[in-house]
Amino acid sequence: MTISLSDYETGARFDGDYSDTLKALEERLERLQAAHIAHAQRSVIMFEGWDAAGKGGIIRRLTASLDPRYFEVWPISAPNEEEKARHFLWRFWKRLPGNREISIFDRSWYGRVLVERVEGYATEAEWRKSYDEINEFEAQLTGSRTNLVKLFVHITQDEQDRRFADRLDDPWKRWKTGSEDYRNRTKRKHYLAAMDEMFAQTNTRWAPWKVIDGNNKKAARIAALTYIADTLEAAVPMTPPELDPAVVKLASKAFGYKPKD
């Protein structure tokens, strides 16, 4: 199925009670993490999107009620010298989850066909070859029982400009914007071309993309968290663990515990 980012630019407000819906989603996500722990599951949740699209805000809501012992957020920036000396996927293999864990990537291996392509950090031969390498990498993940969720958060140029201005006006948000944002902004048409080809090459049946209209922050958060919860609930066993008779016996001896009917 063809993905066109122009289909995700309405910026429609969320039609519902945001606080109640967010709370219900956080409860679903908390149960999902418990299911990962109980059934030794592992998942990767990956975010791509424009600068200032709201990825960080979605990730904050995603992790708000999770036990920090069983998830990791990986903010991906430019590779260091050790990482440059190896295959571009090496640094992502190192960050994959084990059983009972969830790895959340704030940007990802798709940098190879986006920023590295547009800015010339990878040769054309390198980034063209990487489509197959990425598809094979994701097939290996899902083929080895790692659940994979891929989201792209889209905003228009006008909305991005408003958010850049807000960051400059707020003294405590100025750290969020820098010269790279404006370098990238001048090359938007090149990034759009790279994104179109990325979707065409990597929107596979085993690792499909989900585009989120990020032009309204609250609606985007609800849409992203709903998709994550729906996708993982379909992939992870959602039955709670049975009571351990040995633990029940210890609790009964300690304080007279009796299982509820």
C-alpha atoms as a PDB file:
ATOM      1  CA  MET A   1       0.000   0.000   0.000  1.00  0.00           C
ATOM      2  CA  THR A   2       1.395   3.384  -1.050  1.00  0.00           C
ATOM      3  CA  ILE A   3       2.059   5.883   1.739  1.00  0.00           C
ATOM      4  CA  SER A   4       1.657   9.592   0.972  1.00  0.00           C
ATOM      5  CA  LEU A   5       2.534  12.001   3.764  1.00  0.00           C
ATOM      6  CA  SER A   6       0.108  14.572   2.336  1.00  0.00           C
ATOM      7  CA  ASP A   7      -2.690  12.315   3.618  1.00  0.00           C
ATOM      8  CA  TYR A   8      -1.599  13.067   7.210  1.00  0.00           C
ATOM      9  CA  GLU A   9      -1.804  16.842   7.416  1.00  0.00           C
ATOM     10  CA  THR A  10      -5.301  17.668   8.682  1.00  0.00           C
ATOM     11  CA  GLY A  11      -4.213  18.359  12.254  1.00  0.00           C
ATOM     12  CA  ALA A  12      -7.653  17.317  13.465  1.00  0.00           C
ATOM     13  CA  ARG A  13      -8.243  17.626  17.195  1.00  0.00           C
ATOM     14  CA  PHE A  14      -8.875  14.528  19.287  1.00  0.00           C
ATOM     15  CA  ASP A  15     -12.620  13.945  19.504  1.00  0.00           C
ATOM     16  CA  GLY A  16     -12.945  12.743  23.088  1.00  0.00           C
ATOM     17  CA  ASP A  17     -11.780  13.300  26.638  1.00  0.00           C
ATOM     18  CA  TYR A  18      -8.006  13.471  26.311  1.00  0.00           C
ATOM     19  CA  SER A  19      -7.160  12.900  29.988  1.00  0.00           C
ATOM     20  CA  ASP A  20      -9.469   9.899  30.410  1.00  0.00           C
ATOM     21  CA  THR A  21      -8.365   8.322  27.132  1.00  0.00           C
ATOM     22  CA  LEU A  22      -4.697   8.840  27.952  1.00  0.00           C
ATOM     23  CA  LYS A  23      -5.162   7.267  31.382  1.00  0.00           C
ATOM     24  CA  ALA A  24      -6.898   4.238  29.855  1.00  0.00           C
ATOM     25  CA  LEU A  25      -4.093   3.848  27.323  1.00  0.00           C
ATOM     26  CA  GLU A  26      -1.440   4.059  30.028  1.00  0.00           C
ATOM     27  CA  GLU A  27      -3.243   1.268  31.895  1.00  0.00           C
ATOM     28  CA  ARG A  28      -3.272  -0.862  28.730  1.00  0.00           C
ATOM     29  CA  LEU A  29       0.435  -0.235  28.234  1.00  0.00           C
ATOM     30  CA  GLU A  30       1.160  -1.130  31.842  1.00  0.00           C
ATOM     31  CA  ARG A  31      -0.648  -4.459  31.341  1.00  0.00           C
ATOM     32  CA  LEU A  32       1.252  -4.991  28.127  1.00  0.00           C
ATOM     33  CA  GLN A  33       4.539  -4.609  29.939  1.00  0.00           C
ATOM     34  CA  ALA A  34       3.340  -7.084  32.581  1.00  0.00           C
ATOM     35  CA  ALA A  35       2.483  -9.514  29.766  1.00  0.00           C
ATOM     36  CA  HIS A  36       5.993  -9.090  28.349  1.00  0.00           C
ATOM     37  CA  ILE A  37       7.435  -9.947  31.757  1.00  0.00           C
ATOM     38  CA  ALA A  38       5.092 -12.857  32.462  1.00  0.00           C
ATOM     39  CA  HIS A  39       5.487 -14.463  29.038  1.00  0.00           C
ATOM     40  CA  ALA A  40       9.137 -13.581  28.266  1.00  0.00           C
ATOM     41  CA  GLN A  41       8.232 -11.391  25.290  1.00  0.00           C
ATOM     42  CA  ARG A  42      10.367  -8.723  23.679  1.00  0.00           C
ATOM     43  CA  SER A  43       9.417  -5.724  21.551  1.00  0.00           C
ATOM     44  CA  VAL A  44      10.962  -2.848  19.635  1.00  0.00           C
ATOM     45  CA  ILE A  45       9.014   0.406  19.248  1.00  0.00           C
ATOM     46  CA  MET A  46      10.682   2.736  16.762  1.00  0.00           C
ATOM     47  CA  PHE A  47       9.970   6.405  16.040  1.00  0.00           C
ATOM     48  CA  GLU A  48      10.968   8.447  13.023  1.00  0.00           C
ATOM     49  CA  GLY A  49       9.691  11.852  11.938  1.00  0.00           C
ATOM     50  CA  TRP A  50      10.499  15.493  11.431  1.00  0.00           C
ATOM     51  CA  ASP A  51      12.346  17.659  13.923  1.00  0.00           C
ATOM     52  CA  ALA A  52       9.806  19.033  16.453  1.00  0.00           C
ATOM     53  CA  ALA A  53       7.167  16.538  15.303  1.00  0.00           C
ATOM     54  CA  GLY A  54       6.393  15.464  18.880  1.00  0.00           C
ATOM     55  CA  LYS A  55       8.206  12.133  19.102  1.00  0.00           C
ATOM     56  CA  GLY A  56       9.559  12.931  22.557  1.00  0.00           C
ATOM     57  CA  GLY A  57       6.119  13.830  23.904  1.00  0.00           C
ATOM     58  CA  ILE A  58       4.679  10.550  22.652  1.00  0.00           C
ATOM     59  CA  ILE A  59       7.564   8.595  24.191  1.00  0.00           C
ATOM     60  CA  ARG A  60       7.064  10.341  27.549  1.00  0.00           C
ATOM     61  CA  ARG A  61       3.403   9.272  27.607  1.00  0.00           C
ATOM     62  CA  LEU A  62       4.300   5.799  26.371  1.00  0.00           C
ATOM     63  CA  THR A  63       6.695   5.208  29.260  1.00  0.00           C
ATOM     64  CA  ALA A  64       4.859   7.146  31.984  1.00  0.00           C
ATOM     65  CA  SER A  65       3.440   4.084  33.757  1.00  0.00           C
ATOM     66  CA  LEU A  66       6.060   1.494  32.796  1.00  0.00           C
ATOM     67  CA  ASP A  67       8.493  -0.181  35.172  1.00  0.00           C
ATOM     68  CA  PRO A  68      11.907   1.315  34.264  1.00  0.00           C
ATOM     69  CA  ARG A  69      13.669  -1.973  34.933  1.00  0.00           C
ATOM     70  CA  TYR A  70      12.175  -3.549  31.820  1.00  0.00           C
ATOM     71  CA  PHE A  71      12.409  -0.897  29.120  1.00  0.00           C
ATOM     72  CA  GLU A  72      15.055   1.341  27.603  1.00  0.00           C
ATOM     73  CA  VAL A  73      14.739   4.494  25.518  1.00  0.00           C
ATOM     74  CA  TRP A  74      17.535   4.884  22.989  1.00  0.00           C
ATOM     75  CA  PRO A  75      17.936   8.440  21.613  1.00  0.00           C
ATOM     76  CA  ILE A  76      19.822   7.950  18.367  1.00  0.00           C
ATOM     77  CA  SER A  77      22.195  10.662  17.164  1.00  0.00           C
ATOM     78  CA  ALA A  78      25.209  10.670  14.855  1.00  0.00           C
ATOM     79  CA  PRO A  79      27.391   7.550  15.170  1.00  0.00           C
ATOM     80  CA  ASN A  80      30.628   7.842  17.119  1.00  0.00           C
ATOM     81  CA  GLU A  81      34.012   6.735  15.826  1.00  0.00           C
ATOM     82  CA  GLU A  82      33.647   3.188  17.153  1.00  0.00           C
ATOM     83  CA  GLU A  83      30.265   2.866  15.424  1.00  0.00           C
ATOM     84  CA  LYS A  84      31.513   4.379  12.156  1.00  0.00           C
ATOM     85  CA  ALA A  85      34.181   1.685  12.028  1.00  0.00           C
ATOM     86  CA  ARG A  86      31.512  -1.037  11.834  1.00  0.00           C
ATOM     87  CA  HIS A  87      28.449  -1.904   9.777  1.00  0.00           C
ATOM     88  CA  PHE A  88      25.783   0.761  10.250  1.00  0.00           C
ATOM     89  CA  LEU A  89      23.397  -1.724  11.900  1.00  0.00           C
ATOM     90  CA  TRP A  90      25.936  -2.798  14.550  1.00  0.00           C
ATOM     91  CA  ARG A  91      24.974  -0.093  17.021  1.00  0.00           C
ATOM     92  CA  PHE A  92      21.303  -1.106  16.771  1.00  0.00           C
ATOM     93  CA  TRP A  93      21.941  -4.809  17.282  1.00  0.00           C
ATOM     94  CA  LYS A  94      23.636  -3.830  20.558  1.00  0.00           C
ATOM     95  CA  ARG A  95      20.469  -2.106  21.757  1.00  0.00           C
ATOM     96  CA  LEU A  96      17.909  -4.795  20.958  1.00  0.00           C
ATOM     97  CA  PRO A  97      15.781  -6.089  23.856  1.00  0.00           C
ATOM     98  CA  GLY A  98      16.136  -9.399  25.619  1.00  0.00           C
ATOM     99  CA  ASN A  99      13.257 -11.453  26.973  1.00  0.00           C
ATOM    100  CA  ARG A 100      10.821  -9.403  29.110  1.00  0.00           C
ATOM    101  CA  GLU A 101      12.187  -6.138  27.687  1.00  0.00           C
ATOM    102  CA  ILE A 102      10.977  -3.319  25.444  1.00  0.00           C
ATOM    103  CA  SER A 103      13.421  -1.153  23.484  1.00  0.00           C
ATOM    104  CA  ILE A 104      12.172   2.253  22.319  1.00  0.00           C
ATOM    105  CA  PHE A 105      14.154   4.005  19.596  1.00  0.00           C
ATOM    106  CA  ASP A 106      13.907   7.788  19.211  1.00  0.00           C
ATOM    107  CA  ARG A 107      15.184   7.745  15.620  1.00  0.00           C
ATOM    108  CA  SER A 108      16.682   4.608  14.214  1.00  0.00           C
ATOM    109  CA  TRP A 109      18.515   2.679  11.512  1.00  0.00           C
ATOM    110  CA  TYR A 110      16.440   4.645   8.983  1.00  0.00           C
ATOM    111  CA  GLY A 111      18.904   7.475   9.399  1.00  0.00           C
ATOM    112  CA  ARG A 112      20.917   5.630   6.766  1.00  0.00           C
ATOM    113  CA  VAL A 113      18.317   6.398   4.064  1.00  0.00           C
ATOM    114  CA  LEU A 114      17.260   9.782   5.441  1.00  0.00           C
ATOM    115  CA  VAL A 115      19.859  12.093   7.009  1.00  0.00           C
ATOM    116  CA  GLU A 116      22.871  10.090   5.788  1.00  0.00           C
ATOM    117  CA  ARG A 117      21.452  10.069   2.275  1.00  0.00           C
ATOM    118  CA  VAL A 118      20.384  13.702   2.143  1.00  0.00           C
ATOM    119  CA  GLU A 119      23.465  15.127   3.864  1.00  0.00           C
ATOM    120  CA  GLY A 120      25.891  12.963   1.929  1.00  0.00           C
ATOM    121  CA  TYR A 121      27.232  11.001   4.911  1.00  0.00           C
ATOM    122  CA  ALA A 122      26.641   7.773   2.980  1.00  0.00           C
ATOM    123  CA  THR A 123      27.427   7.196  -0.673  1.00  0.00           C
ATOM    124  CA  GLU A 124      24.571   6.453  -3.053  1.00  0.00           C
ATOM    125  CA  ALA A 125      25.771   2.865  -3.334  1.00  0.00           C
ATOM    126  CA  GLU A 126      25.727   2.544   0.481  1.00  0.00           C
ATOM    127  CA  TRP A 127      22.259   3.938   1.093  1.00  0.00           C
ATOM    128  CA  ARG A 128      20.699   2.130  -1.872  1.00  0.00           C
ATOM    129  CA  LYS A 129      22.101  -1.183  -0.640  1.00  0.00           C
ATOM    130  CA  SER A 130      20.782  -0.476   2.847  1.00  0.00           C
ATOM    131  CA  TYR A 131      17.117  -0.926   1.861  1.00  0.00           C
ATOM    132  CA  ASP A 132      17.700  -4.664   1.488  1.00  0.00           C
ATOM    133  CA  GLU A 133      19.869  -4.716   4.612  1.00  0.00           C
ATOM    134  CA  ILE A 134      17.152  -2.989   6.656  1.00  0.00           C
ATOM    135  CA  ASN A 135      14.418  -5.280   5.362  1.00  0.00           C
ATOM    136  CA  GLU A 136      16.522  -8.331   6.163  1.00  0.00           C
ATOM    137  CA  PHE A 137      17.362  -6.940   9.616  1.00  0.00           C
ATOM    138  CA  GLU A 138      13.674  -6.393  10.395  1.00  0.00           C
ATOM    139  CA  ALA A 139      12.790  -9.837   9.035  1.00  0.00           C
ATOM    140  CA  GLN A 140      15.395 -11.341  11.355  1.00  0.00           C
ATOM    141  CA  LEU A 141      13.886  -9.454  14.287  1.00  0.00           C
ATOM    142  CA  THR A 142      10.317 -10.511  13.665  1.00  0.00           C
ATOM    143  CA  GLY A 143      11.420 -13.997  12.656  1.00  0.00           C
ATOM    144  CA  SER A 144      13.101 -14.428  16.032  1.00  0.00           C
ATOM    145  CA  ARG A 145       9.966 -13.488  18.025  1.00  0.00           C
ATOM    146  CA  THR A 146      10.777  -9.806  18.500  1.00  0.00           C
ATOM    147  CA  ASN A 147       7.689  -7.663  17.974  1.00  0.00           C
ATOM    148  CA  LEU A 148       8.375  -4.544  15.895  1.00  0.00           C
ATOM    149  CA  VAL A 149       6.323  -1.343  15.731  1.00  0.00           C
ATOM    150  CA  LYS A 150       7.439   1.387  13.300  1.00  0.00           C
ATOM    151  CA  LEU A 151       5.931   4.874  13.538  1.00  0.00           C
ATOM    152  CA  PHE A 152       6.588   8.004  11.510  1.00  0.00           C
ATOM    153  CA  VAL A 153       5.311  11.292  12.969  1.00  0.00           C
ATOM    154  CA  HIS A 154       4.544  13.843  10.254  1.00  0.00           C
ATOM    155  CA  ILE A 155       4.016  17.600  10.480  1.00  0.00           C
ATOM    156  CA  THR A 156       3.731  20.335   7.853  1.00  0.00           C
ATOM    157  CA  GLN A 157       6.359  22.997   7.340  1.00  0.00           C
ATOM    158  CA  ASP A 158       4.056  25.655   8.824  1.00  0.00           C
ATOM    159  CA  GLU A 159       3.525  23.615  11.977  1.00  0.00           C
ATOM    160  CA  GLN A 160       7.222  22.876  12.315  1.00  0.00           C
ATOM    161  CA  ASP A 161       8.003  26.593  12.039  1.00  0.00           C
ATOM    162  CA  ARG A 162       5.488  27.391  14.786  1.00  0.00           C
ATOM    163  CA  ARG A 163       7.130  24.851  17.072  1.00  0.00           C
ATOM    164  CA  PHE A 164      10.620  26.127  16.335  1.00  0.00           C
ATOM    165  CA  ALA A 165       9.426  29.633  17.246  1.00  0.00           C
ATOM    166  CA  ASP A 166       7.865  28.340  20.477  1.00  0.00           C
ATOM    167  CA  ARG A 167      11.160  26.731  21.433  1.00  0.00           C
ATOM    168  CA  LEU A 168      13.088  29.921  20.802  1.00  0.00           C
ATOM    169  CA  ASP A 169      10.574  31.945  22.848  1.00  0.00           C
ATOM    170  CA  ASP A 170      10.717  29.581  25.851  1.00  0.00           C
ATOM    171  CA  PRO A 171      14.056  29.892  27.706  1.00  0.00           C
ATOM    172  CA  TRP A 172      13.737  26.342  29.044  1.00  0.00           C
ATOM    173  CA  LYS A 173      13.070  24.826  25.626  1.00  0.00           C
ATOM    174  CA  ARG A 174      15.787  26.563  23.635  1.00  0.00           C
ATOM    175  CA  TRP A 175      18.115  23.614  24.143  1.00  0.00           C
ATOM    176  CA  LYS A 176      15.770  21.592  21.918  1.00  0.00           C
ATOM    177  CA  THR A 177      16.610  23.523  18.757  1.00  0.00           C
ATOM    178  CA  GLY A 178      19.908  24.189  17.043  1.00  0.00           C
ATOM    179  CA  SER A 179      21.578  24.850  13.736  1.00  0.00           C
ATOM    180  CA  GLU A 180      20.939  21.320  12.439  1.00  0.00           C
ATOM    181  CA  ASP A 181      17.179  21.941  12.562  1.00  0.00           C
ATOM    182  CA  TYR A 182      17.531  24.826  10.138  1.00  0.00           C
ATOM    183  CA  ARG A 183      19.986  22.977   7.913  1.00  0.00           C
ATOM    184  CA  ASN A 184      17.432  20.171   7.622  1.00  0.00           C
ATOM    185  CA  ARG A 185      14.608  22.651   7.063  1.00  0.00           C
ATOM    186  CA  THR A 186      16.242  24.054   3.925  1.00  0.00           C
ATOM    187  CA  LYS A 187      16.351  20.556   2.432  1.00  0.00           C
ATOM    188  CA  ARG A 188      12.747  19.560   3.110  1.00  0.00           C
ATOM    189  CA  LYS A 189      12.012  18.627  -0.507  1.00  0.00           C
ATOM    190  CA  HIS A 190      15.051  16.326  -0.499  1.00  0.00           C
ATOM    191  CA  TYR A 191      13.912  14.715   2.746  1.00  0.00           C
ATOM    192  CA  LEU A 192      10.405  14.266   1.329  1.00  0.00           C
ATOM    193  CA  ALA A 193      11.861  12.461  -1.683  1.00  0.00           C
ATOM    194  CA  ALA A 194      13.955  10.265   0.604  1.00  0.00           C
ATOM    195  CA  MET A 195      10.921   9.513   2.790  1.00  0.00           C
ATOM    196  CA  ASP A 196       8.790   8.562  -0.201  1.00  0.00           C
ATOM    197  CA  GLU A 197      11.412   6.061  -1.346  1.00  0.00           C
ATOM    198  CA  MET A 198      11.918   4.796   2.212  1.00  0.00           C
ATOM    199  CA  PHE A 199       8.208   3.998   2.543  1.00  0.00           C
ATOM    200  CA  ALA A 200       8.089   2.394  -0.899  1.00  0.00           C
ATOM    201  CA  GLN A 201      11.096   0.179  -0.156  1.00  0.00           C
ATOM    202  CA  THR A 202      10.513  -0.748   3.501  1.00  0.00           C
ATOM    203  CA  ASN A 203       6.746  -0.839   4.113  1.00  0.00           C
ATOM    204  CA  THR A 204       6.778  -4.636   4.279  1.00  0.00           C
ATOM    205  CA  ARG A 205       4.164  -7.129   5.409  1.00  0.00           C
ATOM    206  CA  TRP A 206       6.373  -8.187   8.331  1.00  0.00           C
ATOM    207  CA  ALA A 207       7.329  -4.624   9.335  1.00  0.00           C
ATOM    208  CA  PRO A 208       4.703  -2.127   8.139  1.00  0.00           C
ATOM    209  CA  TRP A 209       4.912   1.611   8.713  1.00  0.00           C
ATOM    210  CA  LYS A 210       2.291   3.590  10.617  1.00  0.00           C
ATOM    211  CA  VAL A 211       2.193   7.313   9.843  1.00  0.00           C
ATOM    212  CA  ILE A 212       0.857   9.593  12.585  1.00  0.00           C
ATOM    213  CA  ASP A 213      -0.570  13.032  11.805  1.00  0.00           C
ATOM    214  CA  GLY A 214       1.438  15.037  14.331  1.00  0.00           C
ATOM    215  CA  ASN A 215      -0.043  18.449  13.580  1.00  0.00           C
ATOM    216  CA  ASN A 216      -2.182  18.301  16.717  1.00  0.00           C
ATOM    217  CA  LYS A 217      -0.049  17.054  19.605  1.00  0.00           C
ATOM    218  CA  LYS A 218      -2.796  15.557  21.739  1.00  0.00           C
ATOM    219  CA  ALA A 219      -4.452  13.761  18.842  1.00  0.00           C
ATOM    220  CA  ALA A 220      -1.053  12.445  17.736  1.00  0.00           C
ATOM    221  CA  ARG A 221      -0.282  11.049  21.180  1.00  0.00           C
ATOM    222  CA  ILE A 222      -3.604   9.241  21.374  1.00  0.00           C
ATOM    223  CA  ALA A 223      -3.269   7.873  17.833  1.00  0.00           C
ATOM    224  CA  ALA A 224       0.290   6.635  18.389  1.00  0.00           C
ATOM    225  CA  LEU A 225      -0.352   5.029  21.772  1.00  0.00           C
ATOM    226  CA  THR A 226      -3.552   3.402  20.493  1.00  0.00           C
ATOM    227  CA  TYR A 227      -1.705   1.890  17.549  1.00  0.00           C
ATOM    228  CA  ILE A 228       1.097   0.615  19.778  1.00  0.00           C
ATOM    229  CA  ALA A 229      -1.348  -0.924  22.249  1.00  0.00           C
ATOM    230  CA  ASP A 230      -3.511  -2.506  19.531  1.00  0.00           C
ATOM    231  CA  THR A 231      -0.492  -3.930  17.694  1.00  0.00           C
ATOM    232  CA  LEU A 232       1.234  -5.395  20.740  1.00  0.00           C
ATOM    233  CA  GLU A 233      -1.965  -6.745  22.305  1.00  0.00           C
ATOM    234  CA  ALA A 234      -2.460  -8.734  19.099  1.00  0.00           C
ATOM    235  CA  ALA A 235       1.099 -10.083  19.252  1.00  0.00           C
ATOM    236  CA  VAL A 236       1.687 -10.734  22.962  1.00  0.00           C
ATOM    237  CA  PRO A 237      -0.188 -13.310  25.093  1.00  0.00           C
ATOM    238  CA  MET A 238      -2.464 -11.219  27.295  1.00  0.00           C
ATOM    239  CA  THR A 239      -3.292 -13.869  29.895  1.00  0.00           C
ATOM    240  CA  PRO A 240      -2.062 -13.079  33.431  1.00  0.00           C
ATOM    241  CA  PRO A 241       0.215 -15.592  35.171  1.00  0.00           C
ATOM    242  CA  GLU A 242      -1.274 -18.203  37.477  1.00  0.00           C
ATOM    243  CA  LEU A 243      -0.786 -17.939  41.209  1.00  0.00           C
ATOM    244  CA  ASP A 244       2.316 -19.801  42.335  1.00  0.00           C
ATOM    245  CA  PRO A 245       1.143 -22.344  44.971  1.00  0.00           C
ATOM    246  CA  ALA A 246       4.441 -22.045  46.805  1.00  0.00           C
ATOM    247  CA  VAL A 247       4.076 -18.273  47.100  1.00  0.00           C
ATOM    248  CA  VAL A 248       0.430 -18.627  48.148  1.00  0.00           C
ATOM    249  CA  LYS A 249       1.531 -21.003  50.886  1.00  0.00           C
ATOM    250  CA  LEU A 250       4.161 -18.531  52.112  1.00  0.00           C
ATOM    251  CA  ALA A 251       1.649 -15.652  52.094  1.00  0.00           C
ATOM    252  CA  SER A 252      -0.880 -17.764  53.944  1.00  0.00           C
ATOM    253  CA  LYS A 253       1.653 -18.571  56.615  1.00  0.00           C
ATOM    254  CA  ALA A 254       2.896 -14.973  56.829  1.00  0.00           C
ATOM    255  CA  PHE A 255      -0.406 -13.099  57.109  1.00  0.00           C
ATOM    256  CA  GLY A 256      -3.266 -15.525  56.585  1.00  0.00           C
ATOM    257  CA  TYR A 257      -3.712 -14.866  52.872  1.00  0.00           C
ATOM    258  CA  LYS A 258      -6.511 -16.708  51.072  1.00  0.00           C
ATOM    259  CA  PRO A 259      -6.970 -16.503  47.276  1.00  0.00           C
ATOM    260  CA  LYS A 260     -10.089 -14.658  46.120  1.00  0.00           C
ATOM    261  CA  ASP A 261     -12.697 -16.705  44.305  1.00  0.00           C
END
